[in-house]
Structures are given as C-alpha cells and as structure tokens.
C-alpha cells in the first residue's frame, strides 16, 4: 500500500470498520486496579486511556496516559 493512500484514513475509520464497541471506554486516574481490569475483561481489551482532573480546572478531565493489562500485572507483581 502506498503511503499517500494512507493519508486519507483515520484511526477512527479502522475502529469503526472492525466494529469496536468500546470507543468510549476509559478510566479515571483514581480508578482502582480492579475496576480497570474488570473493564478490560468485560470488553476484551488490553489497554485503556486514563483521564484525570485538570489542575487548572477541576471540572474538566484531561488525558493522562494509557494503562495496559501488562502495566497492571507488573505493578501487582512488583508491589508484593
């Protein structure tokens, strides 16, 4: 596939094409590890975007990072 042809597609196009029902699955930076794992398990996904309260505007959430099932696993193992 030529690179120029890729410029017209978006990641959202791909997600919608594959029928991704979890476009809006996220966690808060105050969510528990258990809550994140439950969402991942329920929707058969391995990572979630994390949102937290903005430091300048407590009403607004801002993107923090992405957490994966592997991050959670490693944290649990290292915390023992």
C-alpha atoms as a PDB file:
ATOM      1  CA  UNK A   1       0.000   0.000   0.000  1.00  0.00           C
ATOM      2  CA  UNK A   2       1.374   3.398  -0.901  1.00  0.00           C
ATOM      3  CA  UNK A   3       1.952   5.895   1.891  1.00  0.00           C
ATOM      4  CA  UNK A   4      -0.058   8.588   0.112  1.00  0.00           C
ATOM      5  CA  UNK A   5      -3.098   6.305   0.181  1.00  0.00           C
ATOM      6  CA  UNK A   6      -2.836   6.036   3.970  1.00  0.00           C
ATOM      7  CA  UNK A   7      -3.194   9.773   4.458  1.00  0.00           C
ATOM      8  CA  UNK A   8      -6.925   9.669   3.779  1.00  0.00           C
ATOM      9  CA  UNK A   9      -7.681   7.140   6.541  1.00  0.00           C
ATOM     10  CA  UNK A  10      -8.042   7.821  10.232  1.00  0.00           C
ATOM     11  CA  UNK A  11      -7.653   5.535  13.228  1.00  0.00           C
ATOM     12  CA  UNK A  12     -11.350   6.081  13.942  1.00  0.00           C
ATOM     13  CA  UNK A  13     -12.109   4.670  10.466  1.00  0.00           C
ATOM     14  CA  UNK A  14     -10.256   1.492  11.421  1.00  0.00           C
ATOM     15  CA  UNK A  15     -12.003   1.215  14.800  1.00  0.00           C
ATOM     16  CA  UNK A  16     -15.414   1.676  13.224  1.00  0.00           C
ATOM     17  CA  UNK A  17     -14.574  -0.795  10.438  1.00  0.00           C
ATOM     18  CA  UNK A  18     -13.717  -3.544  12.881  1.00  0.00           C
ATOM     19  CA  UNK A  19     -16.862  -2.809  14.878  1.00  0.00           C
ATOM     20  CA  UNK A  20     -15.122  -1.605  18.004  1.00  0.00           C
ATOM     21  CA  UNK A  21     -17.897  -1.009  20.569  1.00  0.00           C
ATOM     22  CA  UNK A  22     -15.516   0.311  23.231  1.00  0.00           C
ATOM     23  CA  UNK A  23     -14.611   3.617  21.619  1.00  0.00           C
ATOM     24  CA  UNK A  24     -15.645   5.349  24.826  1.00  0.00           C
ATOM     25  CA  UNK A  25     -14.091   3.006  27.433  1.00  0.00           C
ATOM     26  CA  UNK A  26     -11.819   4.951  29.746  1.00  0.00           C
ATOM     27  CA  UNK A  27     -10.731   5.009  33.380  1.00  0.00           C
ATOM     28  CA  UNK A  28     -10.019   7.807  35.792  1.00  0.00           C
ATOM     29  CA  UNK A  29      -6.643   8.223  37.432  1.00  0.00           C
ATOM     30  CA  UNK A  30      -8.472   7.494  40.702  1.00  0.00           C
ATOM     31  CA  UNK A  31      -9.981   4.206  39.445  1.00  0.00           C
ATOM     32  CA  UNK A  32      -8.784   1.082  41.192  1.00  0.00           C
ATOM     33  CA  UNK A  33      -6.690  -1.587  39.512  1.00  0.00           C
ATOM     34  CA  UNK A  34      -9.649  -3.931  39.960  1.00  0.00           C
ATOM     35  CA  UNK A  35     -12.004  -1.522  38.142  1.00  0.00           C
ATOM     36  CA  UNK A  36      -9.592  -1.191  35.222  1.00  0.00           C
ATOM     37  CA  UNK A  37      -9.171  -4.962  34.960  1.00  0.00           C
ATOM     38  CA  UNK A  38     -12.933  -5.501  35.094  1.00  0.00           C
ATOM     39  CA  UNK A  39     -13.463  -3.110  32.175  1.00  0.00           C
ATOM     40  CA  UNK A  40     -10.670  -4.727  30.180  1.00  0.00           C
ATOM     41  CA  UNK A  41     -12.073  -8.187  30.837  1.00  0.00           C
ATOM     42  CA  UNK A  42     -15.680  -7.221  30.082  1.00  0.00           C
ATOM     43  CA  UNK A  43     -14.805  -5.657  26.730  1.00  0.00           C
ATOM     44  CA  UNK A  44     -11.890  -7.940  25.785  1.00  0.00           C
ATOM     45  CA  UNK A  45      -9.383  -5.098  25.535  1.00  0.00           C
ATOM     46  CA  UNK A  46      -5.802  -4.824  26.800  1.00  0.00           C
ATOM     47  CA  UNK A  47      -5.431  -1.083  27.355  1.00  0.00           C
ATOM     48  CA  UNK A  48      -7.431   1.951  28.414  1.00  0.00           C
ATOM     49  CA  UNK A  49      -6.968   5.688  28.144  1.00  0.00           C
ATOM     50  CA  UNK A  50      -6.659   7.314  31.574  1.00  0.00           C
ATOM     51  CA  UNK A  51      -8.206  10.690  32.307  1.00  0.00           C
ATOM     52  CA  UNK A  52      -7.770  12.862  35.370  1.00  0.00           C
ATOM     53  CA  UNK A  53      -8.935  16.175  36.711  1.00  0.00           C
ATOM     54  CA  UNK A  54      -7.187  19.132  35.191  1.00  0.00           C
ATOM     55  CA  UNK A  55      -5.037  21.032  37.692  1.00  0.00           C
ATOM     56  CA  UNK A  56      -6.286  24.352  36.345  1.00  0.00           C
ATOM     57  CA  UNK A  57      -9.966  23.420  36.003  1.00  0.00           C
ATOM     58  CA  UNK A  58     -11.372  20.795  38.376  1.00  0.00           C
ATOM     59  CA  UNK A  59     -14.498  20.424  36.219  1.00  0.00           C
ATOM     60  CA  UNK A  60     -12.526  19.331  33.169  1.00  0.00           C
ATOM     61  CA  UNK A  61     -10.881  15.963  32.630  1.00  0.00           C
ATOM     62  CA  UNK A  62      -7.652  15.752  30.714  1.00  0.00           C
ATOM     63  CA  UNK A  63      -5.773  12.856  29.159  1.00  0.00           C
ATOM     64  CA  UNK A  64      -3.120  11.445  31.484  1.00  0.00           C
ATOM     65  CA  UNK A  65      -1.768   8.284  29.833  1.00  0.00           C
ATOM     66  CA  UNK A  66      -2.673   4.810  28.609  1.00  0.00           C
ATOM     67  CA  UNK A  67      -2.621   1.874  31.022  1.00  0.00           C
ATOM     68  CA  UNK A  68      -2.362  -1.694  29.803  1.00  0.00           C
ATOM     69  CA  UNK A  69      -3.137  -5.024  31.378  1.00  0.00           C
ATOM     70  CA  UNK A  70       0.621  -5.609  31.324  1.00  0.00           C
ATOM     71  CA  UNK A  71       1.257  -2.403  33.292  1.00  0.00           C
ATOM     72  CA  UNK A  72      -1.280  -3.521  35.878  1.00  0.00           C
ATOM     73  CA  UNK A  73       0.206  -7.024  36.051  1.00  0.00           C
ATOM     74  CA  UNK A  74       3.728  -5.675  36.523  1.00  0.00           C
ATOM     75  CA  UNK A  75       2.580  -3.262  39.230  1.00  0.00           C
ATOM     76  CA  UNK A  76       0.818  -6.034  41.148  1.00  0.00           C
ATOM     77  CA  UNK A  77       3.860  -8.307  40.936  1.00  0.00           C
ATOM     78  CA  UNK A  78       6.312  -5.571  41.994  1.00  0.00           C
ATOM     79  CA  UNK A  79       4.068  -4.419  44.866  1.00  0.00           C
ATOM     80  CA  UNK A  80       4.156  -7.757  46.646  1.00  0.00           C
END
